[in-house]
Full PDB file with SEQRES, HELIX, SHEET, SSBOND, CRYST1, ORIGX, SCALE, CONECT and MASTER records, all heavy atoms in Angstrom:
SEQRES   1 A   39  MET SER GLY LYS ARG ASN ARG LYS PHE HIS HIS ALA ASP          
SEQRES   2 A   39  HIS ASP LEU ASN LEU LEU GLY HIS ALA TRP GLY LEU TRP          
SEQRES   3 A   39  ILE ASP GLY LYS ALA SER GLU LEU ILE ASP PRO MET MET          
HELIX    1 AA1 LEU A   18  ILE A   27  1                                  10    
HELIX    2 AA2 ALA A   31  LEU A   34  5                                   4    
CRYST1    1.000    1.000    1.000  90.00  90.00  90.00 P 1           1          
ORIGX1      1.000000  0.000000  0.000000        0.00000                         
ORIGX2      0.000000  1.000000  0.000000        0.00000                         
ORIGX3      0.000000  0.000000  1.000000        0.00000                         
SCALE1      1.000000  0.000000  0.000000        0.00000                         
SCALE2      0.000000  1.000000  0.000000        0.00000                         
SCALE3      0.000000  0.000000  1.000000        0.00000                         
ATOM      1  N   MET A   1     -31.358 -23.272 -25.257  1.00  0.00           N  
ATOM      2  CA  MET A   1     -29.994 -22.778 -25.461  1.00  0.00           C  
ATOM      3  C   MET A   1     -29.809 -21.370 -24.898  1.00  0.00           C  
ATOM      4  O   MET A   1     -28.752 -21.045 -24.379  1.00  0.00           O  
ATOM      5  CB  MET A   1     -29.631 -22.801 -26.949  1.00  0.00           C  
ATOM      6  CG  MET A   1     -29.717 -24.172 -27.607  1.00  0.00           C  
ATOM      7  SD  MET A   1     -28.974 -25.528 -26.684  1.00  0.00           S  
ATOM      8  CE  MET A   1     -27.292 -25.036 -26.621  1.00  0.00           C  
ATOM      9  N   SER A   2     -30.860 -20.554 -24.997  1.00  0.00           N  
ATOM     10  CA  SER A   2     -30.750 -19.165 -24.550  1.00  0.00           C  
ATOM     11  C   SER A   2     -31.161 -18.964 -23.098  1.00  0.00           C  
ATOM     12  O   SER A   2     -30.807 -17.957 -22.482  1.00  0.00           O  
ATOM     13  CB  SER A   2     -31.610 -18.257 -25.435  1.00  0.00           C  
ATOM     14  OG  SER A   2     -32.993 -18.530 -25.219  1.00  0.00           O  
ATOM     15  N   GLY A   3     -31.948 -19.896 -22.574  1.00  0.00           N  
ATOM     16  CA  GLY A   3     -32.476 -19.716 -21.226  1.00  0.00           C  
ATOM     17  C   GLY A   3     -33.590 -18.687 -21.185  1.00  0.00           C  
ATOM     18  O   GLY A   3     -33.971 -18.201 -20.123  1.00  0.00           O  
ATOM     19  N   LYS A   4     -34.143 -18.341 -22.345  1.00  0.00           N  
ATOM     20  CA  LYS A   4     -35.196 -17.325 -22.446  1.00  0.00           C  
ATOM     21  C   LYS A   4     -36.392 -17.898 -23.178  1.00  0.00           C  
ATOM     22  O   LYS A   4     -36.249 -18.751 -24.045  1.00  0.00           O  
ATOM     23  CB  LYS A   4     -34.688 -16.110 -23.208  1.00  0.00           C  
ATOM     24  CG  LYS A   4     -33.383 -15.555 -22.707  1.00  0.00           C  
ATOM     25  CD  LYS A   4     -33.566 -14.206 -22.135  1.00  0.00           C  
ATOM     26  CE  LYS A   4     -32.263 -13.491 -21.830  1.00  0.00           C  
ATOM     27  NZ  LYS A   4     -31.607 -13.881 -20.639  1.00  0.00           N  
ATOM     28  N   ARG A   5     -37.572 -17.388 -22.868  1.00  0.00           N  
ATOM     29  CA  ARG A   5     -38.780 -17.818 -23.562  1.00  0.00           C  
ATOM     30  C   ARG A   5     -39.033 -16.922 -24.764  1.00  0.00           C  
ATOM     31  O   ARG A   5     -38.843 -15.708 -24.704  1.00  0.00           O  
ATOM     32  CB  ARG A   5     -39.969 -17.761 -22.608  1.00  0.00           C  
ATOM     33  CG  ARG A   5     -39.781 -18.791 -21.490  1.00  0.00           C  
ATOM     34  CD  ARG A   5     -40.978 -18.958 -20.659  1.00  0.00           C  
ATOM     35  NE  ARG A   5     -42.091 -19.400 -21.486  1.00  0.00           N  
ATOM     36  CZ  ARG A   5     -43.344 -19.353 -21.079  1.00  0.00           C  
ATOM     37  NH1 ARG A   5     -43.650 -18.896 -19.890  1.00  0.00           N  
ATOM     38  NH2 ARG A   5     -44.306 -19.767 -21.864  1.00  0.00           N  
ATOM     39  N   ASN A   6     -39.495 -17.506 -25.854  1.00  0.00           N  
ATOM     40  CA  ASN A   6     -39.753 -16.760 -27.084  1.00  0.00           C  
ATOM     41  C   ASN A   6     -40.775 -15.647 -26.865  1.00  0.00           C  
ATOM     42  O   ASN A   6     -40.572 -14.518 -27.275  1.00  0.00           O  
ATOM     43  CB  ASN A   6     -40.219 -17.714 -28.185  1.00  0.00           C  
ATOM     44  CG  ASN A   6     -40.357 -17.038 -29.530  1.00  0.00           C  
ATOM     45  OD1 ASN A   6     -39.583 -16.147 -29.862  1.00  0.00           O  
ATOM     46  ND2 ASN A   6     -41.327 -17.460 -30.307  1.00  0.00           N  
ATOM     47  N   ARG A   7     -41.883 -15.969 -26.223  1.00  0.00           N  
ATOM     48  CA  ARG A   7     -42.961 -14.989 -26.068  1.00  0.00           C  
ATOM     49  C   ARG A   7     -42.607 -13.840 -25.141  1.00  0.00           C  
ATOM     50  O   ARG A   7     -43.158 -12.768 -25.229  1.00  0.00           O  
ATOM     51  CB  ARG A   7     -44.232 -15.663 -25.550  1.00  0.00           C  
ATOM     52  CG  ARG A   7     -44.808 -16.698 -26.460  1.00  0.00           C  
ATOM     53  CD  ARG A   7     -45.856 -16.247 -27.433  1.00  0.00           C  
ATOM     54  NE  ARG A   7     -46.721 -15.176 -27.104  1.00  0.00           N  
ATOM     55  CZ  ARG A   7     -48.019 -15.256 -26.972  1.00  0.00           C  
ATOM     56  NH1 ARG A   7     -48.623 -16.388 -27.081  1.00  0.00           N  
ATOM     57  NH2 ARG A   7     -48.732 -14.193 -26.729  1.00  0.00           N  
ATOM     58  N   LYS A   8     -41.700 -14.058 -24.211  1.00  0.00           N  
ATOM     59  CA  LYS A   8     -41.363 -13.013 -23.240  1.00  0.00           C  
ATOM     60  C   LYS A   8     -39.973 -12.444 -23.460  1.00  0.00           C  
ATOM     61  O   LYS A   8     -39.457 -11.723 -22.620  1.00  0.00           O  
ATOM     62  CB  LYS A   8     -41.468 -13.580 -21.823  1.00  0.00           C  
ATOM     63  CG  LYS A   8     -42.872 -13.977 -21.464  1.00  0.00           C  
ATOM     64  CD  LYS A   8     -42.958 -14.479 -20.053  1.00  0.00           C  
ATOM     65  CE  LYS A   8     -44.399 -14.852 -19.737  1.00  0.00           C  
ATOM     66  NZ  LYS A   8     -44.533 -15.324 -18.363  1.00  0.00           N  
ATOM     67  N   PHE A   9     -39.382 -12.731 -24.601  1.00  0.00           N  
ATOM     68  CA  PHE A   9     -38.016 -12.284 -24.864  1.00  0.00           C  
ATOM     69  C   PHE A   9     -37.963 -10.777 -25.032  1.00  0.00           C  
ATOM     70  O   PHE A   9     -38.800 -10.169 -25.695  1.00  0.00           O  
ATOM     71  CB  PHE A   9     -37.466 -12.961 -26.127  1.00  0.00           C  
ATOM     72  CG  PHE A   9     -36.055 -12.556 -26.429  1.00  0.00           C  
ATOM     73  CD1 PHE A   9     -35.010 -13.130 -25.741  1.00  0.00           C  
ATOM     74  CD2 PHE A   9     -35.789 -11.591 -27.374  1.00  0.00           C  
ATOM     75  CE1 PHE A   9     -33.702 -12.753 -25.998  1.00  0.00           C  
ATOM     76  CE2 PHE A   9     -34.489 -11.203 -27.646  1.00  0.00           C  
ATOM     77  CZ  PHE A   9     -33.443 -11.788 -26.955  1.00  0.00           C  
ATOM     78  N   HIS A  10     -36.956 -10.184 -24.413  1.00  0.00           N  
ATOM     79  CA  HIS A  10     -36.710  -8.739 -24.554  1.00  0.00           C  
ATOM     80  C   HIS A  10     -35.202  -8.523 -24.562  1.00  0.00           C  
ATOM     81  O   HIS A  10     -34.476  -9.124 -23.788  1.00  0.00           O  
ATOM     82  CB  HIS A  10     -37.346  -7.959 -23.402  1.00  0.00           C  
ATOM     83  CG  HIS A  10     -37.010  -6.503 -23.443  1.00  0.00           C  
ATOM     84  ND1 HIS A  10     -37.558  -5.653 -24.375  1.00  0.00           N  
ATOM     85  CD2 HIS A  10     -36.155  -5.768 -22.704  1.00  0.00           C  
ATOM     86  CE1 HIS A  10     -37.053  -4.442 -24.181  1.00  0.00           C  
ATOM     87  NE2 HIS A  10     -36.208  -4.488 -23.177  1.00  0.00           N  
ATOM     88  N   HIS A  11     -34.757  -7.675 -25.464  1.00  0.00           N  
ATOM     89  CA  HIS A  11     -33.339  -7.332 -25.548  1.00  0.00           C  
ATOM     90  C   HIS A  11     -33.221  -5.815 -25.559  1.00  0.00           C  
ATOM     91  O   HIS A  11     -34.001  -5.126 -26.222  1.00  0.00           O  
ATOM     92  CB  HIS A  11     -32.732  -7.928 -26.828  1.00  0.00           C  
ATOM     93  CG  HIS A  11     -31.242  -7.909 -26.831  1.00  0.00           C  
ATOM     94  ND1 HIS A  11     -30.517  -6.802 -27.192  1.00  0.00           N  
ATOM     95  CD2 HIS A  11     -30.342  -8.865 -26.493  1.00  0.00           C  
ATOM     96  CE1 HIS A  11     -29.233  -7.070 -27.096  1.00  0.00           C  
ATOM     97  NE2 HIS A  11     -29.106  -8.325 -26.671  1.00  0.00           N  
ATOM     98  N   ALA A  12     -32.249  -5.289 -24.852  1.00  0.00           N  
ATOM     99  CA  ALA A  12     -32.080  -3.839 -24.725  1.00  0.00           C  
ATOM    100  C   ALA A  12     -31.734  -3.157 -26.045  1.00  0.00           C  
ATOM    101  O   ALA A  12     -32.054  -1.985 -26.244  1.00  0.00           O  
ATOM    102  CB  ALA A  12     -31.000  -3.531 -23.684  1.00  0.00           C  
ATOM    103  N   ASP A  13     -31.101  -3.883 -26.981  1.00  0.00           N  
ATOM    104  CA  ASP A  13     -30.628  -3.258 -28.217  1.00  0.00           C  
ATOM    105  C   ASP A  13     -31.618  -3.292 -29.381  1.00  0.00           C  
ATOM    106  O   ASP A  13     -31.387  -2.656 -30.401  1.00  0.00           O  
ATOM    107  CB  ASP A  13     -29.332  -3.936 -28.676  1.00  0.00           C  
ATOM    108  CG  ASP A  13     -28.199  -3.711 -27.686  1.00  0.00           C  
ATOM    109  OD1 ASP A  13     -28.268  -2.746 -26.902  1.00  0.00           O  
ATOM    110  OD2 ASP A  13     -27.241  -4.514 -27.698  1.00  0.00           O  
ATOM    111  N   HIS A  14     -32.699  -4.059 -29.267  1.00  0.00           N  
ATOM    112  CA  HIS A  14     -33.653  -4.157 -30.368  1.00  0.00           C  
ATOM    113  C   HIS A  14     -34.972  -4.704 -29.854  1.00  0.00           C  
ATOM    114  O   HIS A  14     -35.075  -5.106 -28.697  1.00  0.00           O  
ATOM    115  CB  HIS A  14     -33.114  -5.051 -31.493  1.00  0.00           C  
ATOM    116  CG  HIS A  14     -32.756  -6.424 -31.042  1.00  0.00           C  
ATOM    117  ND1 HIS A  14     -33.695  -7.376 -30.684  1.00  0.00           N  
ATOM    118  CD2 HIS A  14     -31.550  -7.015 -30.855  1.00  0.00           C  
ATOM    119  CE1 HIS A  14     -33.087  -8.480 -30.315  1.00  0.00           C  
ATOM    120  NE2 HIS A  14     -31.781  -8.291 -30.397  1.00  0.00           N  
ATOM    121  N   ASP A  15     -35.960  -4.728 -30.722  1.00  0.00           N  
ATOM    122  CA  ASP A  15     -37.289  -5.217 -30.362  1.00  0.00           C  
ATOM    123  C   ASP A  15     -37.637  -6.520 -31.069  1.00  0.00           C  
ATOM    124  O   ASP A  15     -38.798  -6.807 -31.319  1.00  0.00           O  
ATOM    125  CB  ASP A  15     -38.347  -4.145 -30.683  1.00  0.00           C  
ATOM    126  CG  ASP A  15     -38.218  -2.934 -29.777  1.00  0.00           C  
ATOM    127  OD1 ASP A  15     -37.889  -3.120 -28.597  1.00  0.00           O  
ATOM    128  OD2 ASP A  15     -38.432  -1.811 -30.256  1.00  0.00           O  
ATOM    129  N   LEU A  16     -36.641  -7.333 -31.394  1.00  0.00           N  
ATOM    130  CA  LEU A  16     -36.879  -8.623 -32.043  1.00  0.00           C  
ATOM    131  C   LEU A  16     -37.325  -9.661 -31.021  1.00  0.00           C  
ATOM    132  O   LEU A  16     -36.960  -9.575 -29.852  1.00  0.00           O  
ATOM    133  CB  LEU A  16     -35.603  -9.123 -32.720  1.00  0.00           C  
ATOM    134  CG  LEU A  16     -35.067  -8.281 -33.877  1.00  0.00           C  
ATOM    135  CD1 LEU A  16     -33.688  -8.776 -34.295  1.00  0.00           C  
ATOM    136  CD2 LEU A  16     -36.028  -8.328 -35.049  1.00  0.00           C  
ATOM    137  N   ASN A  17     -38.065 -10.653 -31.494  1.00  0.00           N  
ATOM    138  CA  ASN A  17     -38.386 -11.777 -30.621  1.00  0.00           C  
ATOM    139  C   ASN A  17     -37.156 -12.687 -30.548  1.00  0.00           C  
ATOM    140  O   ASN A  17     -36.116 -12.409 -31.159  1.00  0.00           O  
ATOM    141  CB  ASN A  17     -39.638 -12.517 -31.109  1.00  0.00           C  
ATOM    142  CG  ASN A  17     -39.475 -13.140 -32.479  1.00  0.00           C  
ATOM    143  OD1 ASN A  17     -38.416 -13.130 -33.084  1.00  0.00           O  
ATOM    144  ND2 ASN A  17     -40.561 -13.686 -32.991  1.00  0.00           N  
ATOM    145  N   LEU A  18     -37.264 -13.795 -29.801  1.00  0.00           N  
ATOM    146  CA  LEU A  18     -36.123 -14.695 -29.634  1.00  0.00           C  
ATOM    147  C   LEU A  18     -35.650 -15.259 -30.967  1.00  0.00           C  
ATOM    148  O   LEU A  18     -34.442 -15.350 -31.215  1.00  0.00           O  
ATOM    149  CB  LEU A  18     -36.473 -15.836 -28.668  1.00  0.00           C  
ATOM    150  CG  LEU A  18     -35.379 -16.874 -28.443  1.00  0.00           C  
ATOM    151  CD1 LEU A  18     -34.133 -16.242 -27.823  1.00  0.00           C  
ATOM    152  CD2 LEU A  18     -35.900 -18.005 -27.575  1.00  0.00           C  
ATOM    153  N   LEU A  19     -36.577 -15.629 -31.844  1.00  0.00           N  
ATOM    154  CA  LEU A  19     -36.184 -16.192 -33.140  1.00  0.00           C  
ATOM    155  C   LEU A  19     -35.415 -15.173 -33.966  1.00  0.00           C  
ATOM    156  O   LEU A  19     -34.400 -15.496 -34.586  1.00  0.00           O  
ATOM    157  CB  LEU A  19     -37.406 -16.683 -33.911  1.00  0.00           C  
ATOM    158  CG  LEU A  19     -38.302 -17.708 -33.207  1.00  0.00           C  
ATOM    159  CD1 LEU A  19     -39.424 -18.150 -34.123  1.00  0.00           C  
ATOM    160  CD2 LEU A  19     -37.502 -18.876 -32.697  1.00  0.00           C  
ATOM    161  N   GLY A  20     -35.903 -13.940 -33.990  1.00  0.00           N  
ATOM    162  CA  GLY A  20     -35.216 -12.880 -34.722  1.00  0.00           C  
ATOM    163  C   GLY A  20     -33.847 -12.579 -34.133  1.00  0.00           C  
ATOM    164  O   GLY A  20     -32.874 -12.349 -34.862  1.00  0.00           O  
ATOM    165  N   HIS A  21     -33.775 -12.588 -32.817  1.00  0.00           N  
ATOM    166  CA  HIS A  21     -32.504 -12.341 -32.132  1.00  0.00           C  
ATOM    167  C   HIS A  21     -31.497 -13.448 -32.462  1.00  0.00           C  
ATOM    168  O   HIS A  21     -30.345 -13.164 -32.813  1.00  0.00           O  
ATOM    169  CB  HIS A  21     -32.745 -12.254 -30.620  1.00  0.00           C  
ATOM    170  CG  HIS A  21     -31.522 -12.034 -29.819  1.00  0.00           C  
ATOM    171  ND1 HIS A  21     -30.768 -10.883 -29.897  1.00  0.00           N  
ATOM    172  CD2 HIS A  21     -30.898 -12.830 -28.902  1.00  0.00           C  
ATOM    173  CE1 HIS A  21     -29.737 -10.972 -29.067  1.00  0.00           C  
ATOM    174  NE2 HIS A  21     -29.793 -12.147 -28.459  1.00  0.00           N  
ATOM    175  N   ALA A  22     -31.946 -14.700 -32.358  1.00  0.00           N  
ATOM    176  CA  ALA A  22     -31.062 -15.835 -32.662  1.00  0.00           C  
ATOM    177  C   ALA A  22     -30.595 -15.771 -34.118  1.00  0.00           C  
ATOM    178  O   ALA A  22     -29.415 -16.000 -34.412  1.00  0.00           O  
ATOM    179  CB  ALA A  22     -31.783 -17.152 -32.386  1.00  0.00           C  
ATOM    180  N   TRP A  23     -31.515 -15.452 -35.019  1.00  0.00           N  
ATOM    181  CA  TRP A  23     -31.179 -15.355 -36.436  1.00  0.00           C  
ATOM    182  C   TRP A  23     -30.147 -14.260 -36.676  1.00  0.00           C  
ATOM    183  O   TRP A  23     -29.161 -14.457 -37.399  1.00  0.00           O  
ATOM    184  CB  TRP A  23     -32.439 -15.105 -37.248  1.00  0.00           C  
ATOM    185  CG  TRP A  23     -32.195 -14.875 -38.703  1.00  0.00           C  
ATOM    186  CD1 TRP A  23     -32.392 -13.710 -39.397  1.00  0.00           C  
ATOM    187  CD2 TRP A  23     -31.715 -15.829 -39.661  1.00  0.00           C  
ATOM    188  NE1 TRP A  23     -32.061 -13.883 -40.718  1.00  0.00           N  
ATOM    189  CE2 TRP A  23     -31.642 -15.170 -40.908  1.00  0.00           C  
ATOM    190  CE3 TRP A  23     -31.334 -17.157 -39.576  1.00  0.00           C  
ATOM    191  CZ2 TRP A  23     -31.206 -15.814 -42.056  1.00  0.00           C  
ATOM    192  CZ3 TRP A  23     -30.894 -17.799 -40.736  1.00  0.00           C  
ATOM    193  CH2 TRP A  23     -30.843 -17.123 -41.957  1.00  0.00           C  
ATOM    194  N   GLY A  24     -30.346 -13.101 -36.089  1.00  0.00           N  
ATOM    195  CA  GLY A  24     -29.405 -11.993 -36.248  1.00  0.00           C  
ATOM    196  C   GLY A  24     -28.015 -12.352 -35.740  1.00  0.00           C  
ATOM    197  O   GLY A  24     -27.003 -12.045 -36.390  1.00  0.00           O  
ATOM    198  N   LEU A  25     -27.950 -13.006 -34.586  1.00  0.00           N  
ATOM    199  CA  LEU A  25     -26.655 -13.430 -34.051  1.00  0.00           C  
ATOM    200  C   LEU A  25     -26.006 -14.461 -34.976  1.00  0.00           C  
ATOM    201  O   LEU A  25     -24.791 -14.417 -35.207  1.00  0.00           O  
ATOM    202  CB  LEU A  25     -26.822 -14.016 -32.645  1.00  0.00           C  
ATOM    203  CG  LEU A  25     -27.182 -13.013 -31.547  1.00  0.00           C  
ATOM    204  CD1 LEU A  25     -27.476 -13.737 -30.238  1.00  0.00           C  
ATOM    205  CD2 LEU A  25     -26.068 -11.980 -31.351  1.00  0.00           C  
ATOM    206  N   TRP A  26     -26.820 -15.375 -35.511  1.00  0.00           N  
ATOM    207  CA  TRP A  26     -26.285 -16.399 -36.423  1.00  0.00           C  
ATOM    208  C   TRP A  26     -25.692 -15.747 -37.671  1.00  0.00           C  
ATOM    209  O   TRP A  26     -24.574 -16.068 -38.076  1.00  0.00           O  
ATOM    210  CB  TRP A  26     -27.389 -17.392 -36.798  1.00  0.00           C  
ATOM    211  CG  TRP A  26     -26.899 -18.461 -37.703  1.00  0.00           C  
ATOM    212  CD1 TRP A  26     -27.008 -18.516 -39.067  1.00  0.00           C  
ATOM    213  CD2 TRP A  26     -26.169 -19.629 -37.326  1.00  0.00           C  
ATOM    214  NE1 TRP A  26     -26.405 -19.652 -39.543  1.00  0.00           N  
ATOM    215  CE2 TRP A  26     -25.882 -20.357 -38.491  1.00  0.00           C  
ATOM    216  CE3 TRP A  26     -25.739 -20.131 -36.095  1.00  0.00           C  
ATOM    217  CZ2 TRP A  26     -25.182 -21.549 -38.482  1.00  0.00           C  
ATOM    218  CZ3 TRP A  26     -25.043 -21.331 -36.077  1.00  0.00           C  
ATOM    219  CH2 TRP A  26     -24.771 -22.019 -37.259  1.00  0.00           C  
ATOM    220  N   ILE A  27     -26.443 -14.849 -38.273  1.00  0.00           N  
ATOM    221  CA  ILE A  27     -25.985 -14.170 -39.498  1.00  0.00           C  
ATOM    222  C   ILE A  27     -24.714 -13.370 -39.245  1.00  0.00           C  
ATOM    223  O   ILE A  27     -23.831 -13.302 -40.101  1.00  0.00           O  
ATOM    224  CB  ILE A  27     -27.111 -13.243 -40.041  1.00  0.00           C  
ATOM    225  CG1 ILE A  27     -28.286 -14.070 -40.539  1.00  0.00           C  
ATOM    226  CG2 ILE A  27     -26.618 -12.313 -41.134  1.00  0.00           C  
ATOM    227  CD1 ILE A  27     -27.942 -15.030 -41.657  1.00  0.00           C  
ATOM    228  N   ASP A  28     -24.614 -12.762 -38.064  1.00  0.00           N  
ATOM    229  CA  ASP A  28     -23.439 -11.954 -37.720  1.00  0.00           C  
ATOM    230  C   ASP A  28     -22.261 -12.789 -37.228  1.00  0.00           C  
ATOM    231  O   ASP A  28     -21.227 -12.230 -36.859  1.00  0.00           O  
ATOM    232  CB  ASP A  28     -23.802 -10.925 -36.643  1.00  0.00           C  
ATOM    233  CG  ASP A  28     -24.758  -9.866 -37.158  1.00  0.00           C  
ATOM    234  OD1 ASP A  28     -24.890  -9.701 -38.391  1.00  0.00           O  
ATOM    235  OD2 ASP A  28     -25.391  -9.181 -36.314  1.00  0.00           O  
ATOM    236  N   GLY A  29     -22.428 -14.115 -37.175  1.00  0.00           N  
ATOM    237  CA  GLY A  29     -21.347 -14.976 -36.693  1.00  0.00           C  
ATOM    238  C   GLY A  29     -21.140 -14.885 -35.189  1.00  0.00           C  
ATOM    239  O   GLY A  29     -20.055 -15.149 -34.686  1.00  0.00           O  
ATOM    240  N   LYS A  30     -22.195 -14.509 -34.471  1.00  0.00           N  
ATOM    241  CA  LYS A  30     -22.100 -14.334 -33.016  1.00  0.00           C  
ATOM    242  C   LYS A  30     -23.077 -15.240 -32.271  1.00  0.00           C  
ATOM    243  O   LYS A  30     -23.573 -14.890 -31.201  1.00  0.00           O  
ATOM    244  CB  LYS A  30     -22.401 -12.878 -32.657  1.00  0.00           C  
ATOM    245  CG  LYS A  30     -21.466 -11.864 -33.273  1.00  0.00           C  
ATOM    246  CD  LYS A  30     -21.905 -10.464 -32.914  1.00  0.00           C  
ATOM    247  CE  LYS A  30     -21.030  -9.422 -33.573  1.00  0.00           C  
ATOM    248  NZ  LYS A  30     -21.504  -8.063 -33.244  1.00  0.00           N  
ATOM    249  N   ALA A  31     -23.359 -16.409 -32.822  1.00  0.00           N  
ATOM    250  CA  ALA A  31     -24.350 -17.309 -32.218  1.00  0.00           C  
ATOM    251  C   ALA A  31     -24.010 -17.667 -30.776  1.00  0.00           C  
ATOM    252  O   ALA A  31     -24.904 -17.912 -29.966  1.00  0.00           O  
ATOM    253  CB  ALA A  31     -24.505 -18.564 -33.056  1.00  0.00           C  
ATOM    254  N   SER A  32     -22.739 -17.661 -30.428  1.00  0.00           N  
ATOM    255  CA  SER A  32     -22.350 -18.005 -29.057  1.00  0.00           C  
ATOM    256  C   SER A  32     -22.907 -17.004 -28.040  1.00  0.00           C  
ATOM    257  O   SER A  32     -23.047 -17.330 -26.867  1.00  0.00           O  
ATOM    258  CB  SER A  32     -20.830 -18.097 -28.932  1.00  0.00           C  
ATOM    259  OG  SER A  32     -20.235 -16.859 -29.234  1.00  0.00           O  
ATOM    260  N   GLU A  33     -23.262 -15.801 -28.487  1.00  0.00           N  
ATOM    261  CA  GLU A  33     -23.845 -14.801 -27.584  1.00  0.00           C  
ATOM    262  C   GLU A  33     -25.266 -15.157 -27.165  1.00  0.00           C  
ATOM    263  O   GLU A  33     -25.805 -14.575 -26.229  1.00  0.00           O  
ATOM    264  CB  GLU A  33     -23.830 -13.413 -28.240  1.00  0.00           C  
ATOM    265  CG  GLU A  33     -22.434 -12.851 -28.409  1.00  0.00           C  
ATOM    266  CD  GLU A  33     -22.426 -11.479 -29.060  1.00  0.00           C  
ATOM    267  OE1 GLU A  33     -23.472 -10.778 -29.038  1.00  0.00           O  
ATOM    268  OE2 GLU A  33     -21.365 -11.101 -29.606  1.00  0.00           O  
ATOM    269  N   LEU A  34     -25.886 -16.118 -27.853  1.00  0.00           N  
ATOM    270  CA  LEU A  34     -27.236 -16.547 -27.508  1.00  0.00           C  
ATOM    271  C   LEU A  34     -27.253 -17.442 -26.267  1.00  0.00           C  
ATOM    272  O   LEU A  34     -28.244 -17.535 -25.572  1.00  0.00           O  
ATOM    273  CB  LEU A  34     -27.860 -17.306 -28.692  1.00  0.00           C  
ATOM    274  CG  LEU A  34     -29.298 -17.762 -28.521  1.00  0.00           C  
ATOM    275  CD1 LEU A  34     -30.242 -16.562 -28.482  1.00  0.00           C  
ATOM    276  CD2 LEU A  34     -29.702 -18.704 -29.638  1.00  0.00           C  
ATOM    277  N   ILE A  35     -26.145 -18.070 -25.981  1.00  0.00           N  
ATOM    278  CA  ILE A  35     -26.079 -19.101 -24.944  1.00  0.00           C  
ATOM    279  C   ILE A  35     -26.401 -18.542 -23.563  1.00  0.00           C  
ATOM    280  O   ILE A  35     -25.898 -17.492 -23.161  1.00  0.00           O  
ATOM    281  CB  ILE A  35     -24.685 -19.756 -24.939  1.00  0.00           C  
ATOM    282  CG1 ILE A  35     -24.404 -20.363 -26.310  1.00  0.00           C  
ATOM    283  CG2 ILE A  35     -24.567 -20.797 -23.843  1.00  0.00           C  
ATOM    284  CD1 ILE A  35     -22.964 -20.746 -26.519  1.00  0.00           C  
ATOM    285  N   ASP A  36     -27.235 -19.294 -22.847  1.00  0.00           N  
ATOM    286  CA  ASP A  36     -27.560 -18.980 -21.465  1.00  0.00           C  
ATOM    287  C   ASP A  36     -26.259 -18.986 -20.655  1.00  0.00           C  
ATOM    288  O   ASP A  36     -25.516 -19.971 -20.682  1.00  0.00           O  
ATOM    289  CB  ASP A  36     -28.528 -20.049 -20.927  1.00  0.00           C  
ATOM    290  CG  ASP A  36     -28.976 -19.795 -19.508  1.00  0.00           C  
ATOM    291  OD1 ASP A  36     -28.400 -18.937 -18.807  1.00  0.00           O  
ATOM    292  OD2 ASP A  36     -29.918 -20.490 -19.078  1.00  0.00           O  
ATOM    293  N   PRO A  37     -25.962 -17.906 -19.937  1.00  0.00           N  
ATOM    294  CA  PRO A  37     -24.729 -17.861 -19.143  1.00  0.00           C  
ATOM    295  C   PRO A  37     -24.604 -19.037 -18.157  1.00  0.00           C  
ATOM    296  O   PRO A  37     -23.498 -19.452 -17.826  1.00  0.00           O  
ATOM    297  CB  PRO A  37     -24.832 -16.534 -18.391  1.00  0.00           C  
ATOM    298  CG  PRO A  37     -25.749 -15.696 -19.196  1.00  0.00           C  
ATOM    299  CD  PRO A  37     -26.702 -16.651 -19.857  1.00  0.00           C  
ATOM    300  N   MET A  38     -25.724 -19.584 -17.726  1.00  0.00           N  
ATOM    301  CA  MET A  38     -25.692 -20.723 -16.804  1.00  0.00           C  
ATOM    302  C   MET A  38     -25.142 -21.983 -17.486  1.00  0.00           C  
ATOM    303  O   MET A  38     -24.699 -22.899 -16.815  1.00  0.00           O  
ATOM    304  CB  MET A  38     -27.094 -21.016 -16.260  1.00  0.00           C  
ATOM    305  CG  MET A  38     -27.714 -19.869 -15.488  1.00  0.00           C  
ATOM    306  SD  MET A  38     -26.897 -19.563 -13.915  1.00  0.00           S  
ATOM    307  CE  MET A  38     -27.484 -20.959 -12.999  1.00  0.00           C  
ATOM    308  N   MET A  39     -25.167 -22.027 -18.815  1.00  0.00           N  
ATOM    309  CA  MET A  39     -24.686 -23.191 -19.568  1.00  0.00           C  
ATOM    310  C   MET A  39     -23.219 -23.076 -19.963  1.00  0.00           C  
ATOM    311  O   MET A  39     -22.602 -24.070 -20.328  1.00  0.00           O  
ATOM    312  CB  MET A  39     -25.502 -23.377 -20.854  1.00  0.00           C  
ATOM    313  CG  MET A  39     -26.867 -23.935 -20.642  1.00  0.00           C  
ATOM    314  SD  MET A  39     -27.765 -24.153 -22.199  1.00  0.00           S  
ATOM    315  CE  MET A  39     -26.654 -25.135 -23.181  1.00  0.00           C  
TER     316      MET A  39                                                      
MASTER        0    0    0    2    0    0    0    6  315    1    0    3          
END                                                                             
């Protein structure tokens, strides 16, 4: 869904892995931001 690998995930705003990032977006009601732009 994200187009990113869990082990190599990096985000400029935090140091969470992909699971943590997805969880944070879900809790904040922003899960659509996880989607790979190609999708």
